[in-house]
C-alpha atoms as a PDB file:
ATOM      1  CA  MET A   1       0.099  -0.143  -0.150  1.00  0.00           C
ATOM      2  CA  SER A   2       1.734   2.740  -1.051  1.00  0.00           C
ATOM      3  CA  HIS A   3       1.823   6.323   1.579  1.00  0.00           C
ATOM      4  CA  GLU A   4      -1.350   7.855  -0.525  1.00  0.00           C
ATOM      5  CA  ALA A   5      -3.179   4.940  -0.330  1.00  0.00           C
ATOM      6  CA  ARG A   6      -2.574   4.684   3.654  1.00  0.00           C
ATOM      7  CA  ALA A   7      -3.106   8.143   4.457  1.00  0.00           C
ATOM      8  CA  SER A   8      -6.634   7.922   2.435  1.00  0.00           C
ATOM      9  CA  PHE A   9      -7.163   4.669   3.949  1.00  0.00           C
ATOM     10  CA  LEU A  10      -6.874   5.755   7.481  1.00  0.00           C
ATOM     11  CA  THR A  11      -8.847   9.003   6.579  1.00  0.00           C
ATOM     12  CA  GLY A  12     -11.431   7.094   5.777  1.00  0.00           C
ATOM     13  CA  VAL A  13     -11.375   5.488   8.919  1.00  0.00           C
ATOM     14  CA  ARG A  14     -11.558   8.494  11.136  1.00  0.00           C
ATOM     15  CA  LEU A  15     -14.769   9.397   8.550  1.00  0.00           C
ATOM     16  CA  GLY A  16     -16.455   6.098   9.592  1.00  0.00           C
ATOM     17  CA  LEU A  17     -15.979   6.207  13.328  1.00  0.00           C
ATOM     18  CA  PRO A  18     -19.496   8.200  14.063  1.00  0.00           C
ATOM     19  CA  TYR A  19     -21.197   5.893  11.523  1.00  0.00           C
ATOM     20  CA  ALA A  20     -19.556   3.051  13.028  1.00  0.00           C
ATOM     21  CA  ALA A  21     -20.837   4.292  16.517  1.00  0.00           C
ATOM     22  CA  VAL A  22     -24.242   4.463  14.588  1.00  0.00           C
ATOM     23  CA  GLY A  23     -24.564   1.419  13.165  1.00  0.00           C
ATOM     24  CA  SER A  24     -23.223  -0.555  16.338  1.00  0.00           C
ATOM     25  CA  VAL A  25     -27.125   0.401  17.480  1.00  0.00           C
ATOM     26  CA  LEU A  26     -28.751  -0.517  15.002  1.00  0.00           C
ATOM     27  CA  SER A  27     -27.391  -3.816  15.024  1.00  0.00           C
ATOM     28  CA  LEU A  28     -28.136  -4.490  18.361  1.00  0.00           C
ATOM     29  CA  SER A  29     -31.826  -3.868  17.703  1.00  0.00           C
ATOM     30  CA  PHE A  30     -31.209  -6.253  14.936  1.00  0.00           C
ATOM     31  CA  GLY A  31     -29.717  -8.909  17.057  1.00  0.00           C
ATOM     32  CA  VAL A  32     -32.414  -8.058  19.508  1.00  0.00           C
ATOM     33  CA  LEU A  33     -35.408  -8.534  17.258  1.00  0.00           C
ATOM     34  CA  ALA A  34     -34.125 -11.860  15.210  1.00  0.00           C
ATOM     35  CA  ARG A  35     -33.840 -13.117  18.470  1.00  0.00           C
ATOM     36  CA  GLU A  36     -37.612 -12.596  19.237  1.00  0.00           C
ATOM     37  CA  ALA A  37     -38.272 -13.694  15.267  1.00  0.00           C
ATOM     38  CA  GLY A  38     -36.569 -17.095  16.242  1.00  0.00           C
ATOM     39  CA  PHE A  39     -33.137 -16.559  15.011  1.00  0.00           C
ATOM     40  CA  THR A  40     -30.667 -18.548  16.504  1.00  0.00           C
ATOM     41  CA  PRO A  41     -27.485 -16.927  17.729  1.00  0.00           C
ATOM     42  CA  LEU A  42     -25.361 -18.676  14.861  1.00  0.00           C
ATOM     43  CA  GLN A  43     -28.433 -17.392  12.801  1.00  0.00           C
ATOM     44  CA  ALA A  44     -28.801 -13.873  13.734  1.00  0.00           C
ATOM     45  CA  ILE A  45     -24.916 -13.122  13.759  1.00  0.00           C
ATOM     46  CA  ALA A  46     -23.838 -14.937  10.186  1.00  0.00           C
ATOM     47  CA  THR A  47     -26.980 -12.870   8.596  1.00  0.00           C
ATOM     48  CA  ALA A  48     -25.502  -9.531   9.666  1.00  0.00           C
ATOM     49  CA  MET A  49     -21.948 -10.086   9.131  1.00  0.00           C
ATOM     50  CA  LEU A  50     -22.675 -12.122   5.467  1.00  0.00           C
ATOM     51  CA  VAL A  51     -25.695  -9.236   4.628  1.00  0.00           C
ATOM     52  CA  PHE A  52     -23.918  -6.201   6.003  1.00  0.00           C
ATOM     53  CA  ALA A  53     -27.035  -4.432   5.218  1.00  0.00           C
ATOM     54  CA  GLY A  54     -29.385  -2.699   7.809  1.00  0.00           C
ATOM     55  CA  SER A  55     -32.104  -2.295   5.417  1.00  0.00           C
ATOM     56  CA  ALA A  56     -32.454  -5.299   3.833  1.00  0.00           C
ATOM     57  CA  GLN A  57     -32.027  -7.405   7.389  1.00  0.00           C
ATOM     58  CA  PHE A  58     -34.576  -5.540   8.713  1.00  0.00           C
ATOM     59  CA  ALA A  59     -36.864  -5.897   5.468  1.00  0.00           C
ATOM     60  CA  ALA A  60     -36.437  -9.566   6.234  1.00  0.00           C
ATOM     61  CA  LEU A  61     -37.005  -9.515   9.642  1.00  0.00           C
ATOM     62  CA  ALA A  62     -40.541  -7.833   9.338  1.00  0.00           C
ATOM     63  CA  VAL A  63     -41.639  -9.587   6.566  1.00  0.00           C
ATOM     64  CA  LEU A  64     -40.546 -13.243   8.861  1.00  0.00           C
ATOM     65  CA  THR A  65     -42.508 -11.911  12.058  1.00  0.00           C
ATOM     66  CA  GLY A  66     -45.269 -11.070   9.684  1.00  0.00           C
ATOM     67  CA  GLY A  67     -45.376 -14.571   8.871  1.00  0.00           C
ATOM     68  CA  GLY A  68     -44.312 -14.625   5.555  1.00  0.00           C
ATOM     69  CA  SER A  69     -41.944 -17.653   4.419  1.00  0.00           C
ATOM     70  CA  ALA A  70     -38.019 -17.569   3.807  1.00  0.00           C
ATOM     71  CA  ALA A  71     -37.917 -17.359   0.535  1.00  0.00           C
ATOM     72  CA  ALA A  72     -40.517 -13.822   0.659  1.00  0.00           C
ATOM     73  CA  ALA A  73     -38.098 -12.483   3.777  1.00  0.00           C
ATOM     74  CA  VAL A  74     -35.008 -12.584   0.887  1.00  0.00           C
ATOM     75  CA  ALA A  75     -36.717 -11.232  -2.237  1.00  0.00           C
ATOM     76  CA  ALA A  76     -37.806  -8.553   0.430  1.00  0.00           C
ATOM     77  CA  GLY A  77     -34.095  -8.333   1.058  1.00  0.00           C
ATOM     78  CA  THR A  78     -32.936  -8.230  -2.426  1.00  0.00           C
ATOM     79  CA  LEU A  79     -35.335  -5.251  -3.170  1.00  0.00           C
ATOM     80  CA  MET A  80     -34.351  -3.221  -0.456  1.00  0.00           C
ATOM     81  CA  ASN A  81     -30.851  -3.355  -1.482  1.00  0.00           C
ATOM     82  CA  GLY A  82     -31.624  -2.919  -5.247  1.00  0.00           C
ATOM     83  CA  ARG A  83     -29.862   0.703  -4.941  1.00  0.00           C
ATOM     84  CA  PHE A  84     -26.463  -1.162  -4.486  1.00  0.00           C
ATOM     85  CA  LEU A  85     -26.588  -2.283  -7.960  1.00  0.00           C
ATOM     86  CA  ALA A  86     -26.676   1.589  -9.319  1.00  0.00           C
ATOM     87  CA  MET A  87     -23.852   2.558  -6.987  1.00  0.00           C
ATOM     88  CA  GLY A  88     -21.560  -0.225  -7.563  1.00  0.00           C
ATOM     89  CA  ILE A  89     -22.051   0.737 -12.055  1.00  0.00           C
ATOM     90  CA  ALA A  90     -20.445   4.023 -10.578  1.00  0.00           C
ATOM     91  CA  LEU A  91     -18.472   3.003  -8.443  1.00  0.00           C
ATOM     92  CA  ALA A  92     -17.018   0.327 -11.033  1.00  0.00           C
ATOM     93  CA  PRO A  93     -14.182   2.683 -12.910  1.00  0.00           C
ATOM     94  CA  SER A  94     -12.528   3.682 -10.088  1.00  0.00           C
ATOM     95  CA  LEU A  95     -11.579   0.047  -8.686  1.00  0.00           C
ATOM     96  CA  SER A  96      -8.867  -1.562  -9.808  1.00  0.00           C
ATOM     97  CA  GLY A  97      -8.302  -5.115 -11.464  1.00  0.00           C
ATOM     98  CA  GLY A  98     -10.472  -7.491 -13.500  1.00  0.00           C
ATOM     99  CA  ALA A  99     -14.195  -8.019 -12.943  1.00  0.00           C
ATOM    100  CA  VAL A 100     -13.486 -10.484 -10.481  1.00  0.00           C
ATOM    101  CA  GLN A 101     -11.361  -8.397  -8.062  1.00  0.00           C
ATOM    102  CA  ARG A 102     -13.765  -5.367  -8.753  1.00  0.00           C
ATOM    103  CA  GLY A 103     -16.406  -7.646  -7.262  1.00  0.00           C
ATOM    104  CA  ALA A 104     -14.575  -8.543  -4.166  1.00  0.00           C
ATOM    105  CA  GLN A 105     -13.630  -4.283  -3.526  1.00  0.00           C
ATOM    106  CA  GLY A 106     -17.571  -3.931  -3.953  1.00  0.00           C
ATOM    107  CA  GLN A 107     -18.332  -5.807  -1.227  1.00  0.00           C
ATOM    108  CA  ALA A 108     -17.159  -2.788   1.302  1.00  0.00           C
ATOM    109  CA  VAL A 109     -19.625  -0.647  -0.374  1.00  0.00           C
ATOM    110  CA  VAL A 110     -21.927   0.785   1.895  1.00  0.00           C
ATOM    111  CA  ASP A 111     -24.201   3.429   2.037  1.00  0.00           C
ATOM    112  CA  ALA A 112     -22.358   5.965   4.428  1.00  0.00           C
ATOM    113  CA  SER A 113     -19.076   5.011   2.275  1.00  0.00           C
ATOM    114  CA  TRP A 114     -20.521   5.578  -1.146  1.00  0.00           C
ATOM    115  CA  ALA A 115     -20.874   8.557  -0.363  1.00  0.00           C
ATOM    116  CA  LEU A 116     -17.864   9.889   1.910  1.00  0.00           C
ATOM    117  CA  ALA A 117     -15.354   7.973  -1.137  1.00  0.00           C
ATOM    118  CA  ASN A 118     -17.419  10.377  -4.090  1.00  0.00           C
ATOM    119  CA  ARG A 119     -14.714  13.274  -5.016  1.00  0.00           C
ATOM    120  CA  GLY A 120     -17.919  14.469  -6.622  1.00  0.00           C
ATOM    121  CA  ASP A 121     -16.567  14.828 -10.160  1.00  0.00           C
ATOM    122  CA  GLY A 122     -17.507  10.808 -11.224  1.00  0.00           C
ATOM    123  CA  THR A 123     -15.078   9.683  -9.457  1.00  0.00           C
ATOM    124  CA  PHE A 124     -14.252   7.659  -6.320  1.00  0.00           C
ATOM    125  CA  ASP A 125     -11.207   7.304  -3.643  1.00  0.00           C
ATOM    126  CA  ARG A 126     -11.414   3.211  -3.279  1.00  0.00           C
ATOM    127  CA  TRP A 127      -8.957   3.110  -0.244  1.00  0.00           C
ATOM    128  CA  GLN A 128     -11.036   6.384   1.879  1.00  0.00           C
ATOM    129  CA  LEU A 129     -14.393   3.893   1.083  1.00  0.00           C
ATOM    130  CA  PHE A 130     -12.662   0.782   2.177  1.00  0.00           C
ATOM    131  CA  GLY A 131     -11.349   2.832   5.229  1.00  0.00           C
ATOM    132  CA  THR A 132     -14.589   4.113   5.833  1.00  0.00           C
ATOM    133  CA  THR A 133     -16.507   0.938   5.497  1.00  0.00           C
ATOM    134  CA  ALA A 134     -14.081  -1.276   8.370  1.00  0.00           C
ATOM    135  CA  PRO A 135     -14.834   0.575  11.337  1.00  0.00           C
ATOM    136  CA  GLN A 136     -18.580   0.103  10.270  1.00  0.00           C
ATOM    137  CA  TYR A 137     -18.218  -3.947   9.655  1.00  0.00           C
ATOM    138  CA  VAL A 138     -16.484  -4.242  13.144  1.00  0.00           C
ATOM    139  CA  THR A 139     -19.329  -2.456  14.927  1.00  0.00           C
ATOM    140  CA  TRP A 140     -21.897  -4.147  13.102  1.00  0.00           C
ATOM    141  CA  ALA A 141     -20.932  -7.272  14.058  1.00  0.00           C
ATOM    142  CA  LEU A 142     -20.005  -6.762  17.360  1.00  0.00           C
ATOM    143  CA  GLY A 143     -23.374  -4.814  17.956  1.00  0.00           C
ATOM    144  CA  THR A 144     -25.095  -8.161  16.845  1.00  0.00           C
ATOM    145  CA  VAL A 145     -23.299 -10.249  18.924  1.00  0.00           C
ATOM    146  CA  VAL A 146     -24.499  -7.968  21.997  1.00  0.00           C
ATOM    147  CA  GLY A 147     -27.571  -7.937  20.744  1.00  0.00           C
ATOM    148  CA  VAL A 148     -28.177 -11.564  20.037  1.00  0.00           C
ATOM    149  CA  PHE A 149     -26.607 -12.665  24.192  1.00  0.00           C
ATOM    150  CA  ALA A 150     -27.812  -9.438  26.230  1.00  0.00           C
ATOM    151  CA  GLY A 151     -31.710  -9.312  24.185  1.00  0.00           C
ATOM    152  CA  ASP A 152     -33.181 -10.400  27.780  1.00  0.00           C
ATOM    153  CA  VAL A 153     -31.498  -7.493  29.282  1.00  0.00           C
ATOM    154  CA  ILE A 154     -32.152  -4.970  26.706  1.00  0.00           C
ATOM    155  CA  GLY A 155     -36.007  -5.536  26.152  1.00  0.00           C
ATOM    156  CA  ASP A 156     -37.831  -3.949  23.685  1.00  0.00           C
ATOM    157  CA  PRO A 157     -35.650  -1.497  21.410  1.00  0.00           C
ATOM    158  CA  ALA A 158     -38.736   0.838  20.348  1.00  0.00           C
ATOM    159  CA  ARG A 159     -38.912   1.628  24.554  1.00  0.00           C
ATOM    160  CA  LEU A 160     -35.288   3.182  24.348  1.00  0.00           C
ATOM    161  CA  GLY A 161     -36.065   4.809  20.573  1.00  0.00           C
ATOM    162  CA  LEU A 162     -33.899   2.930  18.826  1.00  0.00           C
ATOM    163  CA  ASP A 163     -36.710   2.376  15.970  1.00  0.00           C
ATOM    164  CA  ALA A 164     -36.115   6.280  15.007  1.00  0.00           C
ATOM    165  CA  ILE A 165     -31.900   5.785  14.868  1.00  0.00           C
ATOM    166  CA  TYR A 166     -32.055   4.206  11.104  1.00  0.00           C
ATOM    167  CA  PRO A 167     -34.501   6.983   9.782  1.00  0.00           C
ATOM    168  CA  THR A 168     -32.237   9.554  10.891  1.00  0.00           C
ATOM    169  CA  PHE A 169     -29.315   7.340   9.851  1.00  0.00           C
ATOM    170  CA  PHE A 170     -30.520   7.886   6.332  1.00  0.00           C
ATOM    171  CA  LEU A 171     -31.877  11.362   6.721  1.00  0.00           C
ATOM    172  CA  ALA A 172     -28.279  12.725   7.752  1.00  0.00           C
ATOM    173  CA  LEU A 173     -26.780  11.193   4.382  1.00  0.00           C
ATOM    174  CA  LEU A 174     -29.492  13.091   1.924  1.00  0.00           C
ATOM    175  CA  LEU A 175     -28.939  15.990   3.937  1.00  0.00           C
ATOM    176  CA  ALA A 176     -25.274  15.733   3.220  1.00  0.00           C
ATOM    177  CA  GLU A 177     -25.768  15.198  -0.738  1.00  0.00           C
ATOM    178  CA  LEU A 178     -28.104  18.150  -1.133  1.00  0.00           C
ATOM    179  CA  ARG A 179     -25.583  20.380  -2.298  1.00  0.00           C
ATOM    180  CA  ASP A 180     -26.749  21.481  -5.375  1.00  0.00           C
ATOM    181  CA  ARG A 181     -30.414  22.264  -6.728  1.00  0.00           C
ATOM    182  CA  ARG A 182     -29.957  19.724  -9.196  1.00  0.00           C
ATOM    183  CA  SER A 183     -29.613  17.400  -6.311  1.00  0.00           C
ATOM    184  CA  ARG A 184     -32.954  18.857  -4.026  1.00  0.00           C
ATOM    185  CA  THR A 185     -35.266  18.574  -7.710  1.00  0.00           C
ATOM    186  CA  VAL A 186     -34.062  14.661  -8.031  1.00  0.00           C
ATOM    187  CA  ALA A 187     -34.516  14.079  -4.044  1.00  0.00           C
ATOM    188  CA  ALA A 188     -37.695  15.158  -4.200  1.00  0.00           C
ATOM    189  CA  VAL A 189     -39.209  13.720  -7.210  1.00  0.00           C
ATOM    190  CA  GLY A 190     -37.884  10.626  -5.538  1.00  0.00           C
ATOM    191  CA  SER A 191     -39.909  11.529  -2.776  1.00  0.00           C
ATOM    192  CA  LEU A 192     -42.877  12.243  -4.314  1.00  0.00           C
ATOM    193  CA  ILE A 193     -42.954   8.674  -6.178  1.00  0.00           C
ATOM    194  CA  ALA A 194     -42.300   6.595  -3.051  1.00  0.00           C
ATOM    195  CA  LEU A 195     -45.153   8.263  -1.625  1.00  0.00           C
ATOM    196  CA  ALA A 196     -47.022   7.591  -4.290  1.00  0.00           C
ATOM    197  CA  LEU A 197     -46.809   4.279  -4.150  1.00  0.00           C
ATOM    198  CA  VAL A 198     -46.527   3.540  -0.304  1.00  0.00           C
ATOM    199  CA  PRO A 199     -49.466   2.741  -0.135  1.00  0.00           C
ATOM    200  CA  PHE A 200     -50.567   0.129  -2.122  1.00  0.00           C
ATOM    201  CA  ALA A 201     -46.736  -1.115  -3.749  1.00  0.00           C
ATOM    202  CA  PRO A 202     -45.257  -4.343  -1.995  1.00  0.00           C
ATOM    203  CA  PRO A 203     -42.613  -3.470  -0.039  1.00  0.00           C
ATOM    204  CA  GLY A 204     -39.203  -2.335  -1.109  1.00  0.00           C
ATOM    205  CA  VAL A 205     -40.865  -1.623  -4.681  1.00  0.00           C
ATOM    206  CA  PRO A 206     -41.758   2.340  -3.754  1.00  0.00           C
ATOM    207  CA  ILE A 207     -37.774   2.787  -2.945  1.00  0.00           C
ATOM    208  CA  LEU A 208     -36.813   1.098  -5.711  1.00  0.00           C
ATOM    209  CA  ALA A 209     -39.614   3.143  -8.289  1.00  0.00           C
ATOM    210  CA  ALA A 210     -37.730   6.467  -6.321  1.00  0.00           C
ATOM    211  CA  ALA A 211     -34.335   5.852  -7.899  1.00  0.00           C
ATOM    212  CA  ALA A 212     -35.548   6.617 -11.390  1.00  0.00           C
ATOM    213  CA  ALA A 213     -35.557  10.136 -10.717  1.00  0.00           C
ATOM    214  CA  SER A 214     -31.843   9.783 -10.465  1.00  0.00           C
ATOM    215  CA  LEU A 215     -32.224   9.595 -14.231  1.00  0.00           C
ATOM    216  CA  ILE A 216     -32.859  13.800 -14.257  1.00  0.00           C
ATOM    217  CA  GLY A 217     -28.647  13.586 -13.380  1.00  0.00           C
ATOM    218  CA  LEU A 218     -28.617  12.431 -17.024  1.00  0.00           C
ATOM    219  CA  ALA A 219     -29.610  15.775 -17.886  1.00  0.00           C
ATOM    220  CA  ARG A 220     -26.902  18.081 -19.317  1.00  0.00           C
ATOM    221  CA  PRO A 221     -27.221  21.715 -17.561  1.00  0.00           C
ATOM    222  CA  ALA A 222     -28.234  24.286 -19.515  1.00  0.00           C
ATOM    223  CA  GLY A 223     -25.035  26.170 -21.004  1.00  0.00           C
ATOM    224  CA  ARG A 224     -22.867  23.580 -20.564  1.00  0.00           C
ATOM    225  CA  GLU A 225     -21.551  21.887 -23.692  1.00  0.00           C
ATOM    226  CA  ASP A 226     -19.424  19.024 -24.344  1.00  0.00           C
ATOM    227  CA  ALA A 227     -15.420  19.851 -24.449  1.00  0.00           C
END
C-alpha cells in the first residue's frame, strides 16, 4: 500500500467512526429482534456479517415476523438492496483489477462509505471507501453479538427509541448530498414517487421506483457543452 493509499484509508477510518457508532446501535436492535423472530444466535450473527445491510436485514425480519416465508424475506431484502446496482456501476471505474477483483472490492460498499468516498466529479477514492467501511463492519458485527446475547436485558428496542435511529441515519446522508439545485430536485421527485407508491406497492418497490428520479442527473445543465 502506498503512502497516499494509507493516508486515504486512515482518513476513511476517521470519517467512518461516527457511522460505526450509529451502526452498532442499529445492529444491536437487529440482534434483539432476530432472536425474537426465532433466529438462533449463529443465524443472527451470520446474517449480520454476510448481508451487512441494515435495510435488507430489517426488511427480511419484518416479513418473517409477519408470517411470511423465508423466500419472501429474501426477496424483500433483495429489493431493498437494489440500490447497490446503481452504486456499483458508478463506482466500478474507480476500482482496480479485473471483474472478479472489482467485484470483491465492491463488497465494501455501504451507503455512508459510498457517499463519503465520492469525489464529486464522478470518481471515487477507493481506499477511503475501504477505510470508512472497516470500522462500520466491525461495530455492526459486535453490535449484533451484543443484541443476540443481551436481548433479555435490553428488552424492546422501540422502548429505548432505537427504532428512530435508522431513518435519522439515512436523513443525515441525504442532507449531505443536497448541495445543489439538481440534487434537491432529484430528492424531491424521488420522495414524491415513493410516497405515491407506498399505499399499494409491495415493500421495497417504492424505493426502487424512486431511484428512477436519478435519471434527471443525465440531463446536461443548460449552457454547458461537451469539450
